[in-house]
């Protein structure tokens, strides 16, 4: 997939890293020259210095042929403008970070926003899942009450202690997207073992939430 990320903050940086590791083509747009230079050097990708609210900048990075555009600046208004322009220019899918949760879904659709990313649900690992595997989960479900995020504490006697992430059996329509250990969030690799005392972050469709709890707790 060809994915354009607008905003090279921490979230944009780690999302780009994950997508590159999965062999997707990634381009980043960033206004600040230092961030632009850092992500370009660290991740060996094309980083374009520019304002994502300017059509000519989005055209330069080929938004018209993008499978997905992700607006990850720290301003809702900026992200909305980026989303509208990206969809008008031909992007197939648009994911947008919004700090407010009271926006009407119909308005978001008119702005060209397909996936809403809320700050409290902004883990790079599952944003990557949403972009590349849309049949699995859609963060927009959270806004409509059709999905939920669960934090599950891994107690000493949990059957998950020592299991590898890739070997954990959980219902279809759910995904383990992050692990919190000593207050640090980790985007887990499939071979990472689940440590005692950690918390796992699970995103699940509401219809399978109870099954997830029974399977993982």
N, C-alpha and C. Protein backbone atom coordinates (compact mmCIF):
# COMPACT_ATOMS: atom_id res chain seq x y z
N UNK A 1 0.83 -1.20 0.00
CA UNK A 1 0.00 0.00 0.00
C UNK A 1 0.87 1.25 0.00
N UNK A 2 0.36 2.30 -0.62
CA UNK A 2 1.03 3.59 -0.60
C UNK A 2 0.30 4.48 0.40
N UNK A 3 1.02 4.91 1.45
CA UNK A 3 0.40 5.64 2.55
C UNK A 3 1.13 6.96 2.80
N UNK A 4 0.36 8.04 2.88
CA UNK A 4 0.91 9.36 3.17
C UNK A 4 0.55 9.74 4.60
N UNK A 5 1.54 10.06 5.40
CA UNK A 5 1.33 10.50 6.78
C UNK A 5 1.64 11.98 6.87
N UNK A 6 0.70 12.76 7.36
CA UNK A 6 0.93 14.20 7.53
C UNK A 6 1.11 14.47 9.03
N UNK A 7 2.32 14.83 9.41
CA UNK A 7 2.65 15.05 10.81
C UNK A 7 3.68 14.04 11.28
N UNK A 8 4.88 14.51 11.64
CA UNK A 8 5.96 13.62 12.03
C UNK A 8 6.27 13.72 13.51
N UNK A 9 5.20 13.83 14.33
CA UNK A 9 5.40 13.77 15.78
C UNK A 9 5.68 12.33 16.18
N UNK A 10 5.60 12.03 17.47
CA UNK A 10 5.90 10.68 17.94
C UNK A 10 5.00 9.63 17.29
N UNK A 11 3.70 9.94 17.23
CA UNK A 11 2.76 8.97 16.67
C UNK A 11 3.04 8.74 15.19
N UNK A 12 3.25 9.83 14.44
CA UNK A 12 3.54 9.70 13.01
C UNK A 12 4.84 8.94 12.77
N UNK A 13 5.82 9.19 13.63
CA UNK A 13 7.13 8.53 13.51
C UNK A 13 6.98 7.02 13.68
N UNK A 14 6.31 6.60 14.77
CA UNK A 14 6.20 5.17 15.04
C UNK A 14 5.27 4.47 14.05
N UNK A 15 4.24 5.18 13.60
CA UNK A 15 3.36 4.59 12.60
C UNK A 15 4.13 4.35 11.30
N UNK A 16 4.93 5.31 10.89
CA UNK A 16 5.74 5.15 9.68
C UNK A 16 6.69 3.97 9.83
N UNK A 17 7.30 3.85 10.99
CA UNK A 17 8.24 2.76 11.25
C UNK A 17 7.56 1.40 11.11
N UNK A 18 6.38 1.26 11.70
CA UNK A 18 5.63 0.00 11.63
C UNK A 18 5.25 -0.32 10.19
N UNK A 19 4.74 0.68 9.48
CA UNK A 19 4.30 0.45 8.10
C UNK A 19 5.47 0.08 7.19
N UNK A 20 6.63 0.70 7.40
CA UNK A 20 7.81 0.36 6.61
C UNK A 20 8.26 -1.07 6.90
N UNK A 21 8.19 -1.45 8.17
CA UNK A 21 8.57 -2.82 8.55
C UNK A 21 7.67 -3.85 7.88
N UNK A 22 6.44 -3.42 7.56
CA UNK A 22 5.49 -4.32 6.88
C UNK A 22 5.56 -4.16 5.36
N UNK A 23 6.61 -3.47 4.89
CA UNK A 23 6.89 -3.32 3.45
C UNK A 23 5.88 -2.47 2.69
N UNK A 24 5.25 -1.52 3.37
CA UNK A 24 4.40 -0.57 2.68
C UNK A 24 5.24 0.62 2.22
N UNK A 25 4.77 1.30 1.21
CA UNK A 25 5.44 2.52 0.74
C UNK A 25 4.89 3.70 1.54
N UNK A 26 5.79 4.44 2.20
CA UNK A 26 5.36 5.51 3.10
C UNK A 26 6.06 6.82 2.75
N UNK A 27 5.28 7.89 2.69
CA UNK A 27 5.81 9.24 2.53
C UNK A 27 5.27 10.08 3.67
N UNK A 28 6.09 10.94 4.23
CA UNK A 28 5.71 11.80 5.35
C UNK A 28 5.76 13.26 4.94
N UNK A 29 4.76 14.02 5.35
CA UNK A 29 4.74 15.47 5.15
C UNK A 29 4.83 16.13 6.52
N UNK A 30 5.74 17.06 6.69
CA UNK A 30 5.95 17.70 7.98
C UNK A 30 6.42 19.15 7.79
N UNK A 31 5.83 20.06 8.57
CA UNK A 31 6.17 21.49 8.45
C UNK A 31 7.52 21.82 9.05
N UNK A 32 7.87 21.16 10.15
CA UNK A 32 9.10 21.50 10.86
C UNK A 32 10.31 20.79 10.24
N UNK A 33 11.30 21.57 9.88
CA UNK A 33 12.45 21.02 9.16
C UNK A 33 13.21 19.99 9.99
N UNK A 34 13.36 20.22 11.32
CA UNK A 34 14.12 19.28 12.13
C UNK A 34 13.44 17.92 12.22
N UNK A 35 12.11 17.91 12.37
CA UNK A 35 11.38 16.65 12.43
C UNK A 35 11.43 15.94 11.07
N UNK A 36 11.33 16.73 10.03
CA UNK A 36 11.38 16.20 8.68
C UNK A 36 12.72 15.50 8.44
N UNK A 37 13.78 16.16 8.84
CA UNK A 37 15.13 15.62 8.64
C UNK A 37 15.35 14.36 9.49
N UNK A 38 14.87 14.39 10.73
CA UNK A 38 15.08 13.25 11.62
C UNK A 38 14.38 11.98 11.11
N UNK A 39 13.11 12.10 10.76
CA UNK A 39 12.38 10.91 10.33
C UNK A 39 12.92 10.39 9.00
N UNK A 40 13.39 11.30 8.16
CA UNK A 40 13.96 10.90 6.88
C UNK A 40 15.26 10.12 7.08
N UNK A 41 16.10 10.60 7.98
CA UNK A 41 17.39 9.96 8.24
C UNK A 41 17.22 8.65 9.02
N UNK A 42 16.37 8.69 10.04
CA UNK A 42 16.21 7.51 10.91
C UNK A 42 15.55 6.34 10.18
N UNK A 43 14.53 6.64 9.38
CA UNK A 43 13.72 5.58 8.78
C UNK A 43 13.98 5.37 7.30
N UNK A 44 14.85 6.19 6.73
CA UNK A 44 15.19 6.06 5.32
C UNK A 44 13.94 6.08 4.44
N UNK A 45 13.16 7.14 4.60
CA UNK A 45 11.97 7.32 3.77
C UNK A 45 11.96 8.72 3.19
N UNK A 46 11.02 8.96 2.30
CA UNK A 46 10.88 10.29 1.70
C UNK A 46 10.07 11.16 2.65
N UNK A 47 10.65 12.24 3.12
CA UNK A 47 9.96 13.18 3.98
C UNK A 47 9.94 14.54 3.28
N UNK A 48 8.76 15.05 3.07
CA UNK A 48 8.60 16.32 2.36
C UNK A 48 8.29 17.43 3.36
N UNK A 49 9.10 18.47 3.36
CA UNK A 49 8.84 19.61 4.23
C UNK A 49 7.76 20.47 3.57
N UNK A 50 6.66 20.65 4.30
CA UNK A 50 5.58 21.45 3.72
C UNK A 50 4.35 21.42 4.59
N UNK A 51 3.39 22.25 4.23
CA UNK A 51 2.13 22.38 4.96
C UNK A 51 1.08 21.49 4.29
N UNK A 52 0.59 20.50 5.03
CA UNK A 52 -0.37 19.55 4.49
C UNK A 52 -1.72 20.15 4.15
N UNK A 53 -1.95 21.41 4.54
CA UNK A 53 -3.22 22.06 4.18
C UNK A 53 -3.12 22.77 2.82
N UNK A 54 -1.96 22.67 2.19
CA UNK A 54 -1.78 23.28 0.88
C UNK A 54 -1.91 22.21 -0.20
N UNK A 55 -2.86 22.36 -1.11
CA UNK A 55 -3.08 21.35 -2.15
C UNK A 55 -1.82 20.99 -2.93
N UNK A 56 -0.98 21.99 -3.22
CA UNK A 56 0.20 21.71 -4.02
C UNK A 56 1.17 20.77 -3.29
N UNK A 57 1.19 20.84 -1.97
CA UNK A 57 2.06 19.95 -1.18
C UNK A 57 1.53 18.51 -1.26
N UNK A 58 0.22 18.36 -1.10
CA UNK A 58 -0.38 17.03 -1.18
C UNK A 58 -0.26 16.45 -2.59
N UNK A 59 -0.40 17.31 -3.59
CA UNK A 59 -0.24 16.85 -4.97
C UNK A 59 1.19 16.39 -5.23
N UNK A 60 2.14 17.09 -4.63
CA UNK A 60 3.56 16.76 -4.82
C UNK A 60 3.89 15.36 -4.32
N UNK A 61 3.25 14.94 -3.23
CA UNK A 61 3.55 13.62 -2.68
C UNK A 61 2.63 12.53 -3.23
N UNK A 62 1.81 12.87 -4.20
CA UNK A 62 1.00 11.87 -4.88
C UNK A 62 -0.20 11.37 -4.12
N UNK A 63 -0.88 12.28 -3.43
CA UNK A 63 -2.07 11.90 -2.67
C UNK A 63 -3.14 11.28 -3.57
N UNK A 64 -3.19 11.69 -4.81
CA UNK A 64 -4.20 11.17 -5.74
C UNK A 64 -4.10 9.66 -5.93
N UNK A 65 -2.91 9.12 -5.73
CA UNK A 65 -2.72 7.67 -5.90
C UNK A 65 -2.55 6.95 -4.57
N UNK A 66 -2.74 7.66 -3.47
CA UNK A 66 -2.53 7.07 -2.15
C UNK A 66 -3.66 6.11 -1.76
N UNK A 67 -3.29 4.98 -1.20
CA UNK A 67 -4.28 4.05 -0.65
C UNK A 67 -4.87 4.61 0.64
N UNK A 68 -4.05 5.38 1.36
CA UNK A 68 -4.52 5.98 2.61
C UNK A 68 -3.71 7.23 2.93
N UNK A 69 -4.39 8.22 3.50
CA UNK A 69 -3.74 9.43 4.02
C UNK A 69 -4.10 9.51 5.49
N UNK A 70 -3.09 9.78 6.33
CA UNK A 70 -3.31 9.85 7.77
C UNK A 70 -2.92 11.24 8.25
N UNK A 71 -3.90 11.98 8.79
CA UNK A 71 -3.65 13.33 9.29
C UNK A 71 -3.40 13.27 10.79
N UNK A 72 -2.16 13.55 11.19
CA UNK A 72 -1.78 13.37 12.60
C UNK A 72 -1.16 14.62 13.21
N UNK A 73 -1.57 15.80 12.76
CA UNK A 73 -1.08 17.02 13.41
C UNK A 73 -1.80 17.16 14.75
N UNK A 74 -1.39 18.11 15.57
CA UNK A 74 -2.01 18.27 16.89
C UNK A 74 -3.17 19.26 16.89
N UNK A 75 -3.66 19.62 15.70
CA UNK A 75 -4.78 20.55 15.60
C UNK A 75 -5.94 19.90 14.84
N UNK A 76 -7.11 19.81 15.49
CA UNK A 76 -8.28 19.21 14.84
C UNK A 76 -8.60 19.91 13.52
N UNK A 77 -8.62 21.24 13.56
CA UNK A 77 -9.01 22.01 12.38
C UNK A 77 -8.07 21.72 11.21
N UNK A 78 -6.78 21.65 11.52
CA UNK A 78 -5.78 21.36 10.48
C UNK A 78 -6.01 19.98 9.89
N UNK A 79 -6.25 19.02 10.75
CA UNK A 79 -6.47 17.65 10.29
C UNK A 79 -7.72 17.53 9.43
N UNK A 80 -8.75 18.31 9.79
CA UNK A 80 -9.98 18.29 8.98
C UNK A 80 -9.75 18.84 7.58
N UNK A 81 -8.99 19.91 7.49
CA UNK A 81 -8.69 20.50 6.19
C UNK A 81 -7.87 19.52 5.35
N UNK A 82 -6.88 18.91 5.98
CA UNK A 82 -6.05 17.92 5.28
C UNK A 82 -6.92 16.78 4.74
N UNK A 83 -7.85 16.32 5.57
CA UNK A 83 -8.72 15.22 5.19
C UNK A 83 -9.59 15.58 3.98
N UNK A 84 -10.18 16.75 4.04
CA UNK A 84 -11.04 17.21 2.95
C UNK A 84 -10.26 17.30 1.64
N UNK A 85 -9.09 17.91 1.71
CA UNK A 85 -8.26 18.06 0.51
C UNK A 85 -7.81 16.71 -0.02
N UNK A 86 -7.40 15.83 0.88
CA UNK A 86 -6.91 14.51 0.47
C UNK A 86 -7.97 13.73 -0.26
N UNK A 87 -9.20 13.74 0.26
CA UNK A 87 -10.28 13.00 -0.38
C UNK A 87 -10.65 13.65 -1.73
N UNK A 88 -10.65 14.98 -1.78
CA UNK A 88 -10.96 15.67 -3.03
C UNK A 88 -9.91 15.39 -4.11
N UNK A 89 -8.67 15.19 -3.66
CA UNK A 89 -7.58 14.92 -4.60
C UNK A 89 -7.53 13.47 -5.04
N UNK A 90 -8.32 12.61 -4.39
CA UNK A 90 -8.40 11.23 -4.85
C UNK A 90 -7.91 10.15 -3.93
N UNK A 91 -7.53 10.48 -2.70
CA UNK A 91 -7.08 9.44 -1.75
C UNK A 91 -8.20 8.44 -1.51
N UNK A 92 -7.87 7.16 -1.49
CA UNK A 92 -8.89 6.13 -1.32
C UNK A 92 -9.47 6.13 0.09
N UNK A 93 -8.61 6.32 1.09
CA UNK A 93 -9.07 6.28 2.49
C UNK A 93 -8.35 7.37 3.28
N UNK A 94 -9.08 7.97 4.23
CA UNK A 94 -8.50 9.04 5.04
C UNK A 94 -8.73 8.74 6.52
N UNK A 95 -7.66 8.73 7.29
CA UNK A 95 -7.74 8.54 8.74
C UNK A 95 -7.29 9.83 9.41
N UNK A 96 -8.03 10.28 10.42
CA UNK A 96 -7.80 11.61 10.98
C UNK A 96 -7.80 11.58 12.50
N UNK A 97 -6.79 12.20 13.09
CA UNK A 97 -6.71 12.31 14.54
C UNK A 97 -7.54 13.51 14.99
N UNK A 98 -8.51 13.27 15.87
CA UNK A 98 -9.36 14.34 16.40
C UNK A 98 -9.39 14.25 17.92
N UNK A 99 -9.16 15.37 18.58
CA UNK A 99 -9.11 15.37 20.04
C UNK A 99 -10.50 15.47 20.67
N UNK A 100 -11.46 16.01 19.92
CA UNK A 100 -12.82 16.12 20.41
C UNK A 100 -13.63 14.93 19.92
N UNK A 101 -14.55 14.44 20.76
CA UNK A 101 -15.30 13.25 20.38
C UNK A 101 -16.76 13.56 20.04
N UNK A 102 -17.14 14.84 20.12
CA UNK A 102 -18.55 15.15 19.91
C UNK A 102 -18.87 15.53 18.46
N UNK A 103 -17.92 15.40 17.56
CA UNK A 103 -18.20 15.72 16.17
C UNK A 103 -19.24 14.75 15.61
N UNK A 104 -20.17 15.29 14.84
CA UNK A 104 -21.21 14.46 14.24
C UNK A 104 -20.63 13.62 13.11
N UNK A 105 -20.99 12.35 13.08
CA UNK A 105 -20.42 11.44 12.10
C UNK A 105 -20.75 11.86 10.67
N UNK A 106 -21.94 12.38 10.44
CA UNK A 106 -22.32 12.81 9.10
C UNK A 106 -21.40 13.93 8.61
N UNK A 107 -21.05 14.83 9.53
CA UNK A 107 -20.14 15.93 9.18
C UNK A 107 -18.77 15.38 8.83
N UNK A 108 -18.31 14.41 9.62
CA UNK A 108 -17.00 13.82 9.36
C UNK A 108 -16.96 13.16 7.98
N UNK A 109 -18.04 12.50 7.62
CA UNK A 109 -18.09 11.87 6.30
C UNK A 109 -18.02 12.90 5.19
N UNK A 110 -18.71 14.04 5.40
CA UNK A 110 -18.69 15.09 4.38
C UNK A 110 -17.29 15.69 4.24
N UNK A 111 -16.53 15.61 5.32
CA UNK A 111 -15.15 16.10 5.29
C UNK A 111 -14.19 15.08 4.70
N UNK A 112 -14.73 13.92 4.35
CA UNK A 112 -13.89 12.90 3.73
C UNK A 112 -13.18 11.99 4.71
N UNK A 113 -13.59 12.03 5.97
CA UNK A 113 -12.92 11.24 7.01
C UNK A 113 -13.55 9.85 7.10
N UNK A 114 -12.74 8.84 6.86
CA UNK A 114 -13.22 7.46 6.93
C UNK A 114 -12.97 6.82 8.29
N UNK A 115 -11.85 7.17 8.90
CA UNK A 115 -11.48 6.59 10.19
C UNK A 115 -11.13 7.71 11.15
N UNK A 116 -11.74 7.71 12.32
CA UNK A 116 -11.45 8.71 13.35
C UNK A 116 -10.48 8.11 14.36
N UNK A 117 -9.41 8.83 14.62
CA UNK A 117 -8.42 8.40 15.61
C UNK A 117 -8.50 9.34 16.80
N UNK A 118 -8.97 8.83 17.93
CA UNK A 118 -9.03 9.64 19.14
C UNK A 118 -7.71 9.53 19.89
N UNK A 119 -7.29 10.60 20.57
CA UNK A 119 -6.01 10.57 21.28
C UNK A 119 -5.87 9.41 22.25
N UNK A 120 -6.96 9.08 22.96
CA UNK A 120 -6.86 7.99 23.94
C UNK A 120 -6.79 6.63 23.27
N UNK A 121 -7.00 6.60 21.96
CA UNK A 121 -6.94 5.33 21.23
C UNK A 121 -5.87 5.40 20.14
N UNK A 122 -4.89 6.26 20.36
CA UNK A 122 -3.91 6.52 19.30
C UNK A 122 -2.63 5.73 19.49
N UNK A 123 -2.70 4.42 19.35
CA UNK A 123 -1.52 3.57 19.38
C UNK A 123 -1.14 3.26 17.94
N UNK A 124 0.12 3.50 17.62
CA UNK A 124 0.56 3.34 16.23
C UNK A 124 0.30 1.94 15.70
N UNK A 125 0.44 0.95 16.56
CA UNK A 125 0.26 -0.43 16.13
C UNK A 125 -1.10 -0.72 15.56
N UNK A 126 -2.15 -0.26 16.24
CA UNK A 126 -3.45 -0.59 15.69
C UNK A 126 -3.96 0.42 14.67
N UNK A 127 -3.35 1.58 14.60
CA UNK A 127 -3.66 2.45 13.47
C UNK A 127 -3.14 1.78 12.19
N UNK A 128 -1.98 1.17 12.29
CA UNK A 128 -1.44 0.43 11.15
C UNK A 128 -2.38 -0.70 10.76
N UNK A 129 -2.94 -1.40 11.76
CA UNK A 129 -3.88 -2.47 11.48
C UNK A 129 -5.12 -1.94 10.74
N UNK A 130 -5.61 -0.79 11.19
CA UNK A 130 -6.81 -0.21 10.57
C UNK A 130 -6.57 0.17 9.12
N UNK A 131 -5.38 0.70 8.85
CA UNK A 131 -5.07 1.15 7.50
C UNK A 131 -4.86 0.00 6.54
N UNK A 132 -4.19 -1.04 7.01
CA UNK A 132 -3.78 -2.12 6.12
C UNK A 132 -4.72 -3.32 6.16
N UNK A 133 -5.56 -3.41 7.22
CA UNK A 133 -6.50 -4.53 7.33
C UNK A 133 -7.87 -4.00 7.75
N UNK A 134 -8.49 -3.21 6.89
CA UNK A 134 -9.77 -2.57 7.27
C UNK A 134 -10.90 -3.54 7.54
N UNK A 135 -10.75 -4.79 7.12
CA UNK A 135 -11.80 -5.77 7.37
C UNK A 135 -11.76 -6.28 8.80
N UNK A 136 -10.68 -5.98 9.52
CA UNK A 136 -10.54 -6.46 10.89
C UNK A 136 -11.25 -5.55 11.87
N UNK A 137 -10.86 -4.29 11.89
CA UNK A 137 -11.43 -3.34 12.84
C UNK A 137 -11.45 -1.94 12.24
N UNK A 138 -12.36 -1.13 12.69
CA UNK A 138 -12.47 0.25 12.22
C UNK A 138 -12.65 1.13 13.44
N UNK A 139 -11.69 2.02 13.66
CA UNK A 139 -11.76 2.88 14.85
C UNK A 139 -13.00 3.76 14.85
N UNK A 140 -13.58 3.97 13.68
CA UNK A 140 -14.81 4.75 13.64
C UNK A 140 -15.91 4.06 14.43
N UNK A 141 -15.81 2.73 14.60
CA UNK A 141 -16.79 1.99 15.39
C UNK A 141 -16.85 2.53 16.82
N UNK A 142 -15.71 2.96 17.34
CA UNK A 142 -15.66 3.42 18.73
C UNK A 142 -16.58 4.62 18.91
N UNK A 143 -16.59 5.52 17.93
CA UNK A 143 -17.44 6.70 18.02
C UNK A 143 -18.92 6.34 18.05
N UNK A 144 -19.26 5.21 17.42
CA UNK A 144 -20.66 4.82 17.36
C UNK A 144 -21.01 3.78 18.41
N UNK A 145 -20.09 3.48 19.29
CA UNK A 145 -20.35 2.50 20.33
C UNK A 145 -20.34 1.08 19.82
N UNK A 146 -19.73 0.83 18.67
CA UNK A 146 -19.72 -0.50 18.09
C UNK A 146 -18.43 -1.25 18.40
N UNK A 147 -17.52 -0.60 19.08
CA UNK A 147 -16.28 -1.26 19.49
C UNK A 147 -15.81 -0.62 20.78
N UNK A 148 -14.94 -1.31 21.46
CA UNK A 148 -14.43 -0.78 22.72
C UNK A 148 -12.97 -1.15 22.90
N UNK A 149 -12.32 -0.37 23.75
CA UNK A 149 -10.93 -0.63 24.08
C UNK A 149 -10.88 -1.17 25.50
N UNK A 150 -10.20 -2.29 25.68
CA UNK A 150 -10.11 -2.91 27.01
C UNK A 150 -8.67 -2.97 27.48
N UNK A 151 -8.46 -2.62 28.73
CA UNK A 151 -7.17 -2.82 29.38
C UNK A 151 -7.29 -4.03 30.28
N UNK A 152 -6.45 -5.02 30.04
CA UNK A 152 -6.51 -6.25 30.82
C UNK A 152 -5.22 -6.42 31.59
N UNK A 153 -5.34 -6.46 32.91
CA UNK A 153 -4.19 -6.64 33.79
C UNK A 153 -3.77 -8.11 33.80
N UNK A 154 -2.50 -8.36 33.58
CA UNK A 154 -1.99 -9.72 33.56
C UNK A 154 -1.52 -10.11 34.96
N UNK A 155 -2.37 -10.84 35.66
CA UNK A 155 -2.06 -11.24 37.03
C UNK A 155 -1.11 -12.45 37.04
N UNK A 156 -0.60 -12.72 38.22
CA UNK A 156 0.40 -13.79 38.38
C UNK A 156 -0.12 -15.13 37.89
N UNK A 157 -1.41 -15.40 38.15
CA UNK A 157 -1.97 -16.70 37.78
C UNK A 157 -2.62 -16.71 36.39
N UNK A 158 -2.44 -15.64 35.63
CA UNK A 158 -3.05 -15.57 34.29
C UNK A 158 -2.42 -16.58 33.36
N UNK A 159 -3.25 -17.20 32.55
CA UNK A 159 -2.76 -18.16 31.56
C UNK A 159 -1.93 -17.50 30.45
N UNK A 160 -2.00 -16.17 30.41
CA UNK A 160 -1.28 -15.45 29.36
C UNK A 160 0.17 -15.17 29.71
N UNK A 161 0.53 -15.29 30.98
CA UNK A 161 1.89 -15.01 31.40
C UNK A 161 2.87 -15.91 30.64
N UNK A 162 3.80 -15.30 29.96
CA UNK A 162 4.81 -16.05 29.23
C UNK A 162 4.42 -16.44 27.81
N UNK A 163 3.14 -16.23 27.46
CA UNK A 163 2.71 -16.56 26.10
C UNK A 163 3.23 -15.51 25.11
N UNK A 164 3.51 -15.96 23.91
CA UNK A 164 3.89 -15.02 22.85
C UNK A 164 2.63 -14.37 22.29
N UNK A 165 2.73 -13.09 21.96
CA UNK A 165 1.59 -12.36 21.42
C UNK A 165 0.97 -13.09 20.23
N UNK A 166 1.80 -13.56 19.33
CA UNK A 166 1.31 -14.22 18.14
C UNK A 166 0.63 -15.55 18.39
N UNK A 167 0.78 -16.09 19.62
CA UNK A 167 0.19 -17.39 19.93
C UNK A 167 -1.07 -17.27 20.77
N UNK A 168 -1.40 -16.05 21.19
CA UNK A 168 -2.60 -15.86 22.01
C UNK A 168 -3.85 -16.04 21.16
N UNK A 169 -4.74 -16.88 21.63
CA UNK A 169 -6.00 -17.11 20.91
C UNK A 169 -7.05 -16.12 21.40
N UNK A 170 -7.59 -15.33 20.49
CA UNK A 170 -8.64 -14.38 20.84
C UNK A 170 -9.65 -14.34 19.71
N UNK A 171 -10.89 -13.98 19.99
CA UNK A 171 -11.96 -14.03 19.00
C UNK A 171 -11.69 -13.15 17.78
N UNK A 172 -12.23 -13.56 16.64
CA UNK A 172 -12.16 -12.73 15.44
C UNK A 172 -12.87 -11.41 15.72
N UNK A 173 -12.32 -10.33 15.18
CA UNK A 173 -12.90 -9.02 15.46
C UNK A 173 -12.26 -8.36 16.64
N UNK A 174 -11.13 -8.91 17.10
CA UNK A 174 -10.40 -8.31 18.21
C UNK A 174 -8.91 -8.36 17.89
N UNK A 175 -8.15 -7.51 18.56
CA UNK A 175 -6.71 -7.47 18.33
C UNK A 175 -5.99 -6.93 19.55
N UNK A 176 -4.88 -7.56 19.91
CA UNK A 176 -4.02 -7.04 20.97
C UNK A 176 -3.12 -6.00 20.31
N UNK A 177 -3.25 -4.75 20.73
CA UNK A 177 -2.58 -3.68 20.00
C UNK A 177 -1.42 -3.04 20.75
N UNK A 178 -1.36 -3.25 22.04
CA UNK A 178 -0.27 -2.65 22.80
C UNK A 178 -0.13 -3.33 24.15
N UNK A 179 1.04 -3.18 24.75
CA UNK A 179 1.31 -3.68 26.09
C UNK A 179 1.88 -2.54 26.91
N UNK A 180 1.35 -2.35 28.11
CA UNK A 180 1.90 -1.37 29.04
C UNK A 180 2.70 -2.10 30.09
N UNK A 181 3.99 -1.78 30.19
CA UNK A 181 4.86 -2.38 31.19
C UNK A 181 5.65 -1.27 31.87
N UNK A 182 5.47 -1.17 33.19
CA UNK A 182 6.13 -0.10 33.96
C UNK A 182 5.81 1.27 33.38
N UNK A 183 4.54 1.45 33.03
CA UNK A 183 4.01 2.72 32.50
C UNK A 183 4.52 3.04 31.10
N UNK A 184 5.25 2.13 30.49
CA UNK A 184 5.72 2.34 29.12
C UNK A 184 4.86 1.56 28.15
N UNK A 185 4.45 2.21 27.06
CA UNK A 185 3.65 1.52 26.06
C UNK A 185 4.56 0.89 25.03
N UNK A 186 4.32 -0.38 24.75
CA UNK A 186 5.13 -1.12 23.79
C UNK A 186 4.21 -1.64 22.69
N UNK A 187 4.60 -1.43 21.44
CA UNK A 187 3.89 -2.03 20.33
C UNK A 187 4.51 -3.41 20.13
N UNK A 188 3.80 -4.46 20.49
CA UNK A 188 4.42 -5.79 20.55
C UNK A 188 4.63 -6.47 19.20
N UNK A 189 5.76 -7.16 19.12
CA UNK A 189 6.01 -8.04 17.99
C UNK A 189 5.35 -9.39 18.28
N UNK A 190 5.06 -10.19 17.26
CA UNK A 190 4.40 -11.48 17.48
C UNK A 190 5.13 -12.41 18.43
N UNK A 191 6.48 -12.31 18.48
CA UNK A 191 7.24 -13.22 19.34
C UNK A 191 7.50 -12.67 20.74
N UNK A 192 6.93 -11.50 21.06
CA UNK A 192 7.10 -10.93 22.39
C UNK A 192 6.28 -11.71 23.41
N UNK A 193 6.91 -12.05 24.52
CA UNK A 193 6.21 -12.78 25.58
C UNK A 193 5.52 -11.80 26.53
N UNK A 194 4.33 -12.16 26.97
CA UNK A 194 3.55 -11.29 27.85
C UNK A 194 4.08 -11.43 29.28
N UNK A 195 4.53 -10.34 29.88
CA UNK A 195 5.09 -10.41 31.23
C UNK A 195 4.02 -10.29 32.32
N UNK A 196 4.29 -10.90 33.43
CA UNK A 196 3.41 -10.77 34.60
C UNK A 196 3.35 -9.32 35.06
N UNK A 197 2.16 -8.85 35.43
CA UNK A 197 2.01 -7.50 35.94
C UNK A 197 1.79 -6.44 34.88
N UNK A 198 1.93 -6.81 33.61
CA UNK A 198 1.72 -5.84 32.54
C UNK A 198 0.23 -5.67 32.26
N UNK A 199 -0.09 -4.70 31.45
CA UNK A 199 -1.46 -4.52 30.97
C UNK A 199 -1.44 -4.67 29.45
N UNK A 200 -2.42 -5.39 28.92
CA UNK A 200 -2.52 -5.46 27.47
C UNK A 200 -3.72 -4.63 27.03
N UNK A 201 -3.56 -3.93 25.94
CA UNK A 201 -4.62 -3.10 25.37
C UNK A 201 -5.24 -3.86 24.22
N UNK A 202 -6.55 -4.11 24.32
CA UNK A 202 -7.25 -4.89 23.31
C UNK A 202 -8.36 -4.05 22.69
N UNK A 203 -8.40 -4.02 21.37
CA UNK A 203 -9.46 -3.35 20.65
C UNK A 203 -10.40 -4.43 20.11
N UNK A 204 -11.69 -4.31 20.41
CA UNK A 204 -12.62 -5.37 20.02
C UNK A 204 -13.97 -4.80 19.62
N UNK A 205 -14.58 -5.42 18.63
CA UNK A 205 -15.95 -5.08 18.29
C UNK A 205 -16.84 -5.44 19.48
N UNK A 206 -17.82 -4.60 19.75
CA UNK A 206 -18.68 -4.78 20.91
C UNK A 206 -19.32 -6.16 20.93
N UNK A 207 -19.66 -6.67 19.79
CA UNK A 207 -20.34 -7.96 19.72
C UNK A 207 -19.50 -9.13 20.20
N UNK A 208 -18.16 -8.94 20.24
CA UNK A 208 -17.31 -10.04 20.71
C UNK A 208 -16.60 -9.68 22.01
N UNK A 209 -16.93 -8.53 22.60
CA UNK A 209 -16.22 -8.06 23.80
C UNK A 209 -16.29 -9.06 24.94
N UNK A 210 -17.46 -9.63 25.19
CA UNK A 210 -17.59 -10.60 26.29
C UNK A 210 -16.77 -11.85 26.02
N UNK A 211 -16.74 -12.28 24.78
CA UNK A 211 -15.92 -13.43 24.42
C UNK A 211 -14.44 -13.15 24.65
N UNK A 212 -14.04 -11.91 24.35
CA UNK A 212 -12.65 -11.51 24.56
C UNK A 212 -12.30 -11.58 26.04
N UNK A 213 -13.19 -11.04 26.87
CA UNK A 213 -12.93 -11.06 28.31
C UNK A 213 -12.80 -12.49 28.83
N UNK A 214 -13.68 -13.37 28.39
CA UNK A 214 -13.63 -14.75 28.84
C UNK A 214 -12.37 -15.45 28.35
N UNK A 215 -11.93 -15.10 27.15
CA UNK A 215 -10.77 -15.75 26.57
C UNK A 215 -9.45 -15.27 27.16
N UNK A 216 -9.43 -14.00 27.58
CA UNK A 216 -8.16 -13.41 28.00
C UNK A 216 -8.02 -13.15 29.49
N UNK A 217 -9.14 -13.18 30.22
CA UNK A 217 -9.04 -12.89 31.65
C UNK A 217 -9.07 -14.18 32.46
